[in-house]
Amino acid sequence: RCLLSGYFNPRDANQGTCTNSCRWDYKVDNAAEDGTGDIQKIDFDFDKALSESPLSDCGSQPRHPMADKVYVISRKDHPGELMPVLEDEHGTYIMNSKDLRAVEHVERLVKIGVDSLKVEGRTKSIYYVARTAQVYRQAIDDAVKGRPFNLELLGALDALASRGYTDGFYERHHTHEQQNYMRGHSESFRQQYVGDIVSCTNGMAEIDVKNKFSVGDRLEIIHPSGNSIVELKEMKSLEGAAITVAPGSGHRVQIPLQGELANGMVARFL
């Protein structure tokens, strides 16, 4: 999967320049092998075939009748460039991986002697990095002190925008559980990063707004000293005028917060 970027562009994923080729929007067409061994596209109605024959799982279940056919894929911006694609009982291997989440395996990694963990975040936001580092830090501390894994940590990561999660090769899975065939972009249905805390003075925090939020929203304040949840009851402009909405990026507002929370972040529950 990670060789695709170098093949198409070329930009090497291992050098930090991946173009996420596995997550592009591809069109799938039925194909056939001719007498010379070349793969040729043929007209075929996928939707009709799927509706007439239900999908079945791999493993002990019978294979879907379409599983042994030949297919080609093409990028929607290059419709004439057809590429044969093969699939076994585990899937295609090359399509859009779900995001790796191994926090539930931290205790096992600590026990076998792993000294440090690296969390990938090259193309992620500061908010993503802060939240993820905080979650893994707690998981490591719990493991070292012999405490059981806290399931709330999974919920904290679920609140981040993701393509769905898999623990990859830490456990044995059907490969189709590791890939998201339907969408290549990240989505969050629980929280949205809405601002950075610039300063706190006399019980009011200045917020550098990143996304829209409003009076009445339920917010989580994320800070190295600990997180807290508040319901936003008032908001002011920097000039002190009462307002009800922080419109989005490029604006600064004040909200009531107690404590030294500078350099913290604000997330809104959706």
C-alpha atoms as a PDB file:
ATOM      1  CA  ARG A   1       0.000   0.000   0.000  1.00  0.00           C
ATOM      2  CA  CYS A   2       2.714   2.485   0.955  1.00  0.00           C
ATOM      3  CA  LEU A   3       4.555   1.961  -2.334  1.00  0.00           C
ATOM      4  CA  LEU A   4       1.687   3.427  -4.378  1.00  0.00           C
ATOM      5  CA  SER A   5       2.670   7.048  -3.769  1.00  0.00           C
ATOM      6  CA  GLY A   6       6.186   6.437  -5.057  1.00  0.00           C
ATOM      7  CA  TYR A   7       4.835   4.635  -8.113  1.00  0.00           C
ATOM      8  CA  PHE A   8       2.271   7.252  -9.125  1.00  0.00           C
ATOM      9  CA  ASN A   9       4.041  10.546  -8.367  1.00  0.00           C
ATOM     10  CA  PRO A  10       6.907   9.666  -7.338  1.00  0.00           C
ATOM     11  CA  ARG A  11       6.807  10.712  -3.669  1.00  0.00           C
ATOM     12  CA  ASP A  12       8.110   8.246  -1.119  1.00  0.00           C
ATOM     13  CA  ALA A  13       5.922   7.478   1.886  1.00  0.00           C
ATOM     14  CA  ASN A  14       8.975   6.402   3.883  1.00  0.00           C
ATOM     15  CA  GLN A  15      10.504   9.842   3.290  1.00  0.00           C
ATOM     16  CA  GLY A  16       7.462  11.639   4.701  1.00  0.00           C
ATOM     17  CA  THR A  17       6.024  12.795   1.364  1.00  0.00           C
ATOM     18  CA  CYS A  18       3.161  10.310   0.887  1.00  0.00           C
ATOM     19  CA  THR A  19       0.290  11.579  -1.265  1.00  0.00           C
ATOM     20  CA  ASN A  20      -2.159   9.034   0.217  1.00  0.00           C
ATOM     21  CA  SER A  21      -2.649   7.290  -3.107  1.00  0.00           C
ATOM     22  CA  CYS A  22      -4.526   4.444  -1.416  1.00  0.00           C
ATOM     23  CA  ARG A  23      -7.194   6.977  -0.408  1.00  0.00           C
ATOM     24  CA  TRP A  24      -7.893   8.490  -3.821  1.00  0.00           C
ATOM     25  CA  ASP A  25     -11.300   8.052  -5.418  1.00  0.00           C
ATOM     26  CA  TYR A  26     -11.102   5.036  -7.742  1.00  0.00           C
ATOM     27  CA  LYS A  27     -13.643   3.642 -10.178  1.00  0.00           C
ATOM     28  CA  VAL A  28     -13.914  -0.157 -10.396  1.00  0.00           C
ATOM     29  CA  ASP A  29     -14.745  -1.919 -13.676  1.00  0.00           C
ATOM     30  CA  ASN A  30     -15.189  -5.549 -14.563  1.00  0.00           C
ATOM     31  CA  ALA A  31     -12.482  -6.993 -16.827  1.00  0.00           C
ATOM     32  CA  ALA A  32     -11.446 -10.189 -18.561  1.00  0.00           C
ATOM     33  CA  GLU A  33      -8.163 -11.789 -19.614  1.00  0.00           C
ATOM     34  CA  ASP A  34      -7.815 -12.295 -23.365  1.00  0.00           C
ATOM     35  CA  GLY A  35      -5.895 -15.010 -25.177  1.00  0.00           C
ATOM     36  CA  THR A  36      -2.618 -13.096 -24.971  1.00  0.00           C
ATOM     37  CA  GLY A  37      -2.883 -12.580 -21.218  1.00  0.00           C
ATOM     38  CA  ASP A  38      -3.821  -8.901 -21.431  1.00  0.00           C
ATOM     39  CA  ILE A  39      -6.531  -7.560 -19.150  1.00  0.00           C
ATOM     40  CA  GLN A  40      -9.393  -5.864 -21.002  1.00  0.00           C
ATOM     41  CA  LYS A  41     -12.221  -3.814 -19.492  1.00  0.00           C
ATOM     42  CA  ILE A  42     -15.742  -5.073 -20.204  1.00  0.00           C
ATOM     43  CA  ASP A  43     -19.118  -3.468 -19.534  1.00  0.00           C
ATOM     44  CA  PHE A  44     -20.726  -4.733 -16.337  1.00  0.00           C
ATOM     45  CA  ASP A  45     -23.434  -3.478 -13.960  1.00  0.00           C
ATOM     46  CA  PHE A  46     -21.938  -3.851 -10.469  1.00  0.00           C
ATOM     47  CA  ASP A  47     -24.948  -2.497  -8.602  1.00  0.00           C
ATOM     48  CA  LYS A  48     -27.299  -4.952 -10.306  1.00  0.00           C
ATOM     49  CA  ALA A  49     -25.004  -7.908  -9.627  1.00  0.00           C
ATOM     50  CA  LEU A  50     -24.622  -7.025  -5.957  1.00  0.00           C
ATOM     51  CA  SER A  51     -28.368  -6.600  -5.487  1.00  0.00           C
ATOM     52  CA  GLU A  52     -29.078 -10.012  -7.013  1.00  0.00           C
ATOM     53  CA  SER A  53     -26.491 -11.900  -4.943  1.00  0.00           C
ATOM     54  CA  PRO A  54     -25.865 -10.944  -1.300  1.00  0.00           C
ATOM     55  CA  LEU A  55     -22.343 -10.415  -0.076  1.00  0.00           C
ATOM     56  CA  SER A  56     -20.887 -13.087   2.203  1.00  0.00           C
ATOM     57  CA  ASP A  57     -17.867 -13.026   4.470  1.00  0.00           C
ATOM     58  CA  CYS A  58     -14.606 -14.893   3.988  1.00  0.00           C
ATOM     59  CA  GLY A  59     -13.238 -17.651   6.193  1.00  0.00           C
ATOM     60  CA  SER A  60     -15.753 -20.446   6.756  1.00  0.00           C
ATOM     61  CA  GLN A  61     -18.429 -18.640   4.724  1.00  0.00           C
ATOM     62  CA  PRO A  62     -18.905 -19.283   0.987  1.00  0.00           C
ATOM     63  CA  ARG A  63     -17.104 -16.901  -1.319  1.00  0.00           C
ATOM     64  CA  HIS A  64     -19.135 -14.311  -3.154  1.00  0.00           C
ATOM     65  CA  PRO A  65     -19.516 -15.286  -6.834  1.00  0.00           C
ATOM     66  CA  MET A  66     -17.887 -12.006  -7.871  1.00  0.00           C
ATOM     67  CA  ALA A  67     -14.769 -12.640  -5.771  1.00  0.00           C
ATOM     68  CA  ASP A  68     -12.933 -14.677  -8.408  1.00  0.00           C
ATOM     69  CA  LYS A  69     -13.569 -12.312 -11.307  1.00  0.00           C
ATOM     70  CA  VAL A  70     -10.991  -9.955 -12.819  1.00  0.00           C
ATOM     71  CA  TYR A  71     -11.259  -6.212 -12.190  1.00  0.00           C
ATOM     72  CA  VAL A  72      -9.540  -2.991 -13.191  1.00  0.00           C
ATOM     73  CA  ILE A  73      -9.480   0.291 -11.305  1.00  0.00           C
ATOM     74  CA  SER A  74      -8.916   3.780 -12.639  1.00  0.00           C
ATOM     75  CA  ARG A  75      -8.509   7.196 -11.083  1.00  0.00           C
ATOM     76  CA  LYS A  76     -11.469   9.416 -11.845  1.00  0.00           C
ATOM     77  CA  ASP A  77      -9.143  12.154 -13.132  1.00  0.00           C
ATOM     78  CA  HIS A  78      -7.346   9.641 -15.422  1.00  0.00           C
ATOM     79  CA  PRO A  79     -10.204   7.442 -16.731  1.00  0.00           C
ATOM     80  CA  GLY A  80      -8.170   5.861 -19.521  1.00  0.00           C
ATOM     81  CA  GLU A  81      -5.413   4.510 -17.261  1.00  0.00           C
ATOM     82  CA  LEU A  82      -6.705   1.070 -16.285  1.00  0.00           C
ATOM     83  CA  MET A  83      -4.898  -0.949 -13.619  1.00  0.00           C
ATOM     84  CA  PRO A  84      -5.687  -4.618 -12.887  1.00  0.00           C
ATOM     85  CA  VAL A  85      -6.449  -5.205  -9.217  1.00  0.00           C
ATOM     86  CA  LEU A  86      -6.335  -8.587  -7.501  1.00  0.00           C
ATOM     87  CA  GLU A  87      -8.111  -9.685  -4.347  1.00  0.00           C
ATOM     88  CA  ASP A  88      -7.854 -12.812  -2.211  1.00  0.00           C
ATOM     89  CA  GLU A  89     -10.061 -13.932   0.668  1.00  0.00           C
ATOM     90  CA  HIS A  90      -8.615 -11.162   2.853  1.00  0.00           C
ATOM     91  CA  GLY A  91      -9.186  -8.213   0.518  1.00  0.00           C
ATOM     92  CA  THR A  92      -7.086  -6.102  -1.842  1.00  0.00           C
ATOM     93  CA  TYR A  93      -4.337  -5.052   0.609  1.00  0.00           C
ATOM     94  CA  ILE A  94      -3.738  -1.769  -1.267  1.00  0.00           C
ATOM     95  CA  MET A  95      -6.922   0.177  -0.523  1.00  0.00           C
ATOM     96  CA  ASN A  96      -7.360   2.907   2.102  1.00  0.00           C
ATOM     97  CA  SER A  97      -6.163   1.607   5.461  1.00  0.00           C
ATOM     98  CA  LYS A  98      -8.049   2.499   8.591  1.00  0.00           C
ATOM     99  CA  ASP A  99      -5.991   4.454  11.112  1.00  0.00           C
ATOM    100  CA  LEU A 100      -3.775   2.372  13.390  1.00  0.00           C
ATOM    101  CA  ARG A 101      -4.754   2.416  17.066  1.00  0.00           C
ATOM    102  CA  ALA A 102      -2.686   0.313  19.445  1.00  0.00           C
ATOM    103  CA  VAL A 103      -3.419   1.994  22.775  1.00  0.00           C
ATOM    104  CA  GLU A 104      -5.149  -1.154  24.048  1.00  0.00           C
ATOM    105  CA  HIS A 105      -1.878  -3.065  23.520  1.00  0.00           C
ATOM    106  CA  VAL A 106       0.359  -0.681  25.495  1.00  0.00           C
ATOM    107  CA  GLU A 107       0.365  -2.924  28.581  1.00  0.00           C
ATOM    108  CA  ARG A 108       1.600  -5.884  26.520  1.00  0.00           C
ATOM    109  CA  LEU A 109       4.260  -3.727  24.842  1.00  0.00           C
ATOM    110  CA  VAL A 110       5.509  -2.508  28.222  1.00  0.00           C
ATOM    111  CA  LYS A 111       5.720  -6.081  29.547  1.00  0.00           C
ATOM    112  CA  ILE A 112       7.835  -7.268  26.617  1.00  0.00           C
ATOM    113  CA  GLY A 113      10.319  -4.433  27.165  1.00  0.00           C
ATOM    114  CA  VAL A 114       9.398  -1.687  24.696  1.00  0.00           C
ATOM    115  CA  ASP A 115      11.009   1.545  25.974  1.00  0.00           C
ATOM    116  CA  SER A 116       9.254   4.171  23.852  1.00  0.00           C
ATOM    117  CA  LEU A 117       6.340   4.569  21.467  1.00  0.00           C
ATOM    118  CA  LYS A 118       6.089   6.770  18.386  1.00  0.00           C
ATOM    119  CA  VAL A 119       2.695   8.127  17.354  1.00  0.00           C
ATOM    120  CA  GLU A 120       2.451   9.156  13.700  1.00  0.00           C
ATOM    121  CA  GLY A 121       1.099  12.668  13.243  1.00  0.00           C
ATOM    122  CA  ARG A 122       2.918  14.188  10.270  1.00  0.00           C
ATOM    123  CA  THR A 123      -0.204  15.501   8.566  1.00  0.00           C
ATOM    124  CA  LYS A 124      -2.331  15.878  11.696  1.00  0.00           C
ATOM    125  CA  SER A 125      -3.318  18.985  13.632  1.00  0.00           C
ATOM    126  CA  ILE A 126      -1.713  20.172  16.862  1.00  0.00           C
ATOM    127  CA  TYR A 127      -4.969  19.230  18.564  1.00  0.00           C
ATOM    128  CA  TYR A 128      -4.693  15.641  17.278  1.00  0.00           C
ATOM    129  CA  VAL A 129      -1.103  15.342  18.473  1.00  0.00           C
ATOM    130  CA  ALA A 130      -1.920  16.780  21.908  1.00  0.00           C
ATOM    131  CA  ARG A 131      -4.947  14.560  22.447  1.00  0.00           C
ATOM    132  CA  THR A 132      -3.220  11.406  21.229  1.00  0.00           C
ATOM    133  CA  ALA A 133      -0.049  12.003  23.242  1.00  0.00           C
ATOM    134  CA  GLN A 134      -2.167  12.619  26.342  1.00  0.00           C
ATOM    135  CA  VAL A 135      -4.079   9.353  25.866  1.00  0.00           C
ATOM    136  CA  TYR A 136      -0.976   7.241  25.275  1.00  0.00           C
ATOM    137  CA  ARG A 137       0.801   8.901  28.209  1.00  0.00           C
ATOM    138  CA  GLN A 138      -2.019   7.793  30.503  1.00  0.00           C
ATOM    139  CA  ALA A 139      -2.015   4.279  29.034  1.00  0.00           C
ATOM    140  CA  ILE A 140       1.743   4.001  29.617  1.00  0.00           C
ATOM    141  CA  ASP A 141       1.479   5.290  33.197  1.00  0.00           C
ATOM    142  CA  ASP A 142      -1.360   2.859  33.942  1.00  0.00           C
ATOM    143  CA  ALA A 143       0.585  -0.075  32.493  1.00  0.00           C
ATOM    144  CA  VAL A 144       3.757   0.734  34.439  1.00  0.00           C
ATOM    145  CA  LYS A 145       1.784   1.010  37.699  1.00  0.00           C
ATOM    146  CA  GLY A 146      -0.102  -2.229  37.073  1.00  0.00           C
ATOM    147  CA  ARG A 147      -3.507  -0.628  36.625  1.00  0.00           C
ATOM    148  CA  PRO A 148      -5.992  -2.244  34.199  1.00  0.00           C
ATOM    149  CA  PHE A 149      -6.547  -0.656  30.811  1.00  0.00           C
ATOM    150  CA  ASN A 150      -8.983   2.254  30.982  1.00  0.00           C
ATOM    151  CA  LEU A 151     -11.646   1.810  28.294  1.00  0.00           C
ATOM    152  CA  GLU A 152     -12.356   5.553  28.393  1.00  0.00           C
ATOM    153  CA  LEU A 153      -9.097   6.037  26.477  1.00  0.00           C
ATOM    154  CA  LEU A 154     -10.692   4.392  23.452  1.00  0.00           C
ATOM    155  CA  GLY A 155     -13.526   6.896  23.669  1.00  0.00           C
ATOM    156  CA  ALA A 156     -11.074   9.795  23.794  1.00  0.00           C
ATOM    157  CA  LEU A 157      -9.491   8.636  20.525  1.00  0.00           C
ATOM    158  CA  ASP A 158     -12.897   7.951  18.979  1.00  0.00           C
ATOM    159  CA  ALA A 159     -13.638  11.662  19.424  1.00  0.00           C
ATOM    160  CA  LEU A 160     -10.811  12.530  17.011  1.00  0.00           C
ATOM    161  CA  ALA A 161     -11.379  12.704  13.272  1.00  0.00           C
ATOM    162  CA  SER A 162     -10.362   9.344  11.812  1.00  0.00           C
ATOM    163  CA  ARG A 163     -10.962   6.915   8.957  1.00  0.00           C
ATOM    164  CA  GLY A 164     -12.045   4.294  11.450  1.00  0.00           C
ATOM    165  CA  TYR A 165      -9.574   2.336  13.570  1.00  0.00           C
ATOM    166  CA  THR A 166      -7.741  -0.957  13.386  1.00  0.00           C
ATOM    167  CA  ASP A 167      -5.026  -2.452  15.557  1.00  0.00           C
ATOM    168  CA  GLY A 168      -3.391  -3.775  12.413  1.00  0.00           C
ATOM    169  CA  PHE A 169      -1.048  -6.710  12.842  1.00  0.00           C
ATOM    170  CA  TYR A 170      -1.080  -6.652  16.639  1.00  0.00           C
ATOM    171  CA  GLU A 171      -3.925  -9.155  16.303  1.00  0.00           C
ATOM    172  CA  ARG A 172      -5.083 -11.481  13.539  1.00  0.00           C
ATOM    173  CA  HIS A 173      -7.939  -9.974  11.530  1.00  0.00           C
ATOM    174  CA  HIS A 174      -9.611 -10.365   8.192  1.00  0.00           C
ATOM    175  CA  THR A 175      -7.945  -7.699   6.070  1.00  0.00           C
ATOM    176  CA  HIS A 176     -11.292  -6.187   5.055  1.00  0.00           C
ATOM    177  CA  GLU A 177     -11.595  -5.069   8.696  1.00  0.00           C
ATOM    178  CA  GLN A 178      -8.395  -3.041   8.272  1.00  0.00           C
ATOM    179  CA  GLN A 179      -9.532  -1.111   5.184  1.00  0.00           C
ATOM    180  CA  ASN A 180     -12.200   1.518   4.640  1.00  0.00           C
ATOM    181  CA  TYR A 181     -13.516   1.091   1.108  1.00  0.00           C
ATOM    182  CA  MET A 182     -16.249   3.741   1.321  1.00  0.00           C
ATOM    183  CA  ARG A 183     -14.411   6.973   2.158  1.00  0.00           C
ATOM    184  CA  GLY A 184     -10.808   8.160   2.200  1.00  0.00           C
ATOM    185  CA  HIS A 185     -11.167  11.269   4.353  1.00  0.00           C
ATOM    186  CA  SER A 186     -11.262  11.601   8.130  1.00  0.00           C
ATOM    187  CA  GLU A 187     -14.486  12.314   9.981  1.00  0.00           C
ATOM    188  CA  SER A 188     -15.478  12.865  13.589  1.00  0.00           C
ATOM    189  CA  PHE A 189     -19.004  12.570  14.902  1.00  0.00           C
ATOM    190  CA  ARG A 190     -18.248  13.381  18.540  1.00  0.00           C
ATOM    191  CA  GLN A 191     -15.950  16.388  18.899  1.00  0.00           C
ATOM    192  CA  GLN A 192     -14.495  19.247  16.890  1.00  0.00           C
ATOM    193  CA  TYR A 193     -11.376  21.266  17.689  1.00  0.00           C
ATOM    194  CA  VAL A 194     -12.569  24.875  17.963  1.00  0.00           C
ATOM    195  CA  GLY A 195      -9.726  26.960  19.393  1.00  0.00           C
ATOM    196  CA  ASP A 196      -6.470  27.555  21.240  1.00  0.00           C
ATOM    197  CA  ILE A 197      -6.257  29.242  24.629  1.00  0.00           C
ATOM    198  CA  VAL A 198      -3.913  32.215  24.176  1.00  0.00           C
ATOM    199  CA  SER A 199      -4.029  33.617  27.718  1.00  0.00           C
ATOM    200  CA  CYS A 200      -6.082  33.652  30.928  1.00  0.00           C
ATOM    201  CA  THR A 201      -6.603  36.871  32.925  1.00  0.00           C
ATOM    202  CA  ASN A 202      -9.050  37.549  35.757  1.00  0.00           C
ATOM    203  CA  GLY A 203     -11.167  34.506  34.991  1.00  0.00           C
ATOM    204  CA  MET A 204     -11.448  35.186  31.251  1.00  0.00           C
ATOM    205  CA  ALA A 205      -9.579  33.209  28.606  1.00  0.00           C
ATOM    206  CA  GLU A 206      -8.698  34.620  25.188  1.00  0.00           C
ATOM    207  CA  ILE A 207      -9.422  32.059  22.477  1.00  0.00           C
ATOM    208  CA  ASP A 208      -7.846  31.981  19.027  1.00  0.00           C
ATOM    209  CA  VAL A 209     -10.839  30.524  17.178  1.00  0.00           C
ATOM    210  CA  LYS A 210     -10.308  27.652  14.727  1.00  0.00           C
ATOM    211  CA  ASN A 211     -13.898  26.507  14.132  1.00  0.00           C
ATOM    212  CA  LYS A 212     -17.327  27.901  14.961  1.00  0.00           C
ATOM    213  CA  PHE A 213     -18.753  27.513  18.468  1.00  0.00           C
ATOM    214  CA  SER A 214     -21.557  29.238  20.356  1.00  0.00           C
ATOM    215  CA  VAL A 215     -22.941  30.097  23.765  1.00  0.00           C
ATOM    216  CA  GLY A 216     -24.725  26.991  25.045  1.00  0.00           C
ATOM    217  CA  ASP A 217     -22.164  24.573  23.580  1.00  0.00           C
ATOM    218  CA  ARG A 218     -20.604  21.904  25.762  1.00  0.00           C
ATOM    219  CA  LEU A 219     -16.823  22.283  25.594  1.00  0.00           C
ATOM    220  CA  GLU A 220     -13.853  20.239  26.711  1.00  0.00           C
ATOM    221  CA  ILE A 221     -10.791  22.144  27.868  1.00  0.00           C
ATOM    222  CA  ILE A 222      -7.642  20.152  27.106  1.00  0.00           C
ATOM    223  CA  HIS A 223      -4.506  21.055  29.055  1.00  0.00           C
ATOM    224  CA  PRO A 224      -1.359  19.271  30.321  1.00  0.00           C
ATOM    225  CA  SER A 225      -2.578  19.850  33.891  1.00  0.00           C
ATOM    226  CA  GLY A 226      -5.787  17.930  33.163  1.00  0.00           C
ATOM    227  CA  ASN A 227      -8.967  18.151  31.131  1.00  0.00           C
ATOM    228  CA  SER A 228     -12.314  19.596  32.163  1.00  0.00           C
ATOM    229  CA  ILE A 229     -15.790  19.918  30.646  1.00  0.00           C
ATOM    230  CA  VAL A 230     -17.749  23.173  30.795  1.00  0.00           C
ATOM    231  CA  GLU A 231     -21.008  24.486  29.404  1.00  0.00           C
ATOM    232  CA  LEU A 232     -20.397  27.839  27.739  1.00  0.00           C
ATOM    233  CA  LYS A 233     -22.755  30.372  29.322  1.00  0.00           C
ATOM    234  CA  GLU A 234     -21.279  33.612  27.980  1.00  0.00           C
ATOM    235  CA  MET A 235     -18.822  34.959  25.423  1.00  0.00           C
ATOM    236  CA  LYS A 236     -17.304  38.372  24.777  1.00  0.00           C
ATOM    237  CA  SER A 237     -15.394  40.113  22.033  1.00  0.00           C
ATOM    238  CA  LEU A 238     -11.880  41.337  22.836  1.00  0.00           C
ATOM    239  CA  GLU A 239     -13.452  44.776  23.349  1.00  0.00           C
ATOM    240  CA  GLY A 240     -15.742  43.359  26.039  1.00  0.00           C
ATOM    241  CA  ALA A 241     -19.029  43.318  24.118  1.00  0.00           C
ATOM    242  CA  ALA A 242     -21.339  40.364  24.748  1.00  0.00           C
ATOM    243  CA  ILE A 243     -21.581  38.013  21.741  1.00  0.00           C
ATOM    244  CA  THR A 244     -23.147  34.596  21.203  1.00  0.00           C
ATOM    245  CA  VAL A 245     -21.093  33.066  18.369  1.00  0.00           C
ATOM    246  CA  ALA A 246     -17.394  32.684  17.565  1.00  0.00           C
ATOM    247  CA  PRO A 247     -17.663  32.546  13.738  1.00  0.00           C
ATOM    248  CA  GLY A 248     -14.525  30.584  12.927  1.00  0.00           C
ATOM    249  CA  SER A 249     -10.859  30.884  12.009  1.00  0.00           C
ATOM    250  CA  GLY A 250      -9.409  34.393  12.103  1.00  0.00           C
ATOM    251  CA  HIS A 251     -11.423  35.573  15.107  1.00  0.00           C
ATOM    252  CA  ARG A 252     -10.533  35.916  18.785  1.00  0.00           C
ATOM    253  CA  VAL A 253     -13.029  35.875  21.636  1.00  0.00           C
ATOM    254  CA  GLN A 254     -13.100  35.697  25.428  1.00  0.00           C
ATOM    255  CA  ILE A 255     -14.839  33.018  27.480  1.00  0.00           C
ATOM    256  CA  PRO A 256     -14.940  32.513  31.268  1.00  0.00           C
ATOM    257  CA  LEU A 257     -12.381  29.953  32.464  1.00  0.00           C
ATOM    258  CA  GLN A 258     -10.731  29.546  35.835  1.00  0.00           C
ATOM    259  CA  GLY A 259      -7.075  28.610  36.275  1.00  0.00           C
ATOM    260  CA  GLU A 260      -3.809  28.949  34.413  1.00  0.00           C
ATOM    261  CA  LEU A 261      -4.825  27.314  31.147  1.00  0.00           C
ATOM    262  CA  ALA A 262      -2.682  29.179  28.608  1.00  0.00           C
ATOM    263  CA  ASN A 263      -1.545  26.948  25.725  1.00  0.00           C
ATOM    264  CA  GLY A 264      -4.529  24.691  26.243  1.00  0.00           C
ATOM    265  CA  MET A 265      -7.060  23.745  23.569  1.00  0.00           C
ATOM    266  CA  VAL A 266     -10.824  23.825  23.299  1.00  0.00           C
ATOM    267  CA  ALA A 267     -12.990  21.129  21.698  1.00  0.00           C
ATOM    268  CA  ARG A 268     -16.743  21.252  21.127  1.00  0.00           C
ATOM    269  CA  PHE A 269     -18.960  18.216  21.635  1.00  0.00           C
ATOM    270  CA  LEU A 270     -21.063  17.594  18.520  1.00  0.00           C
END
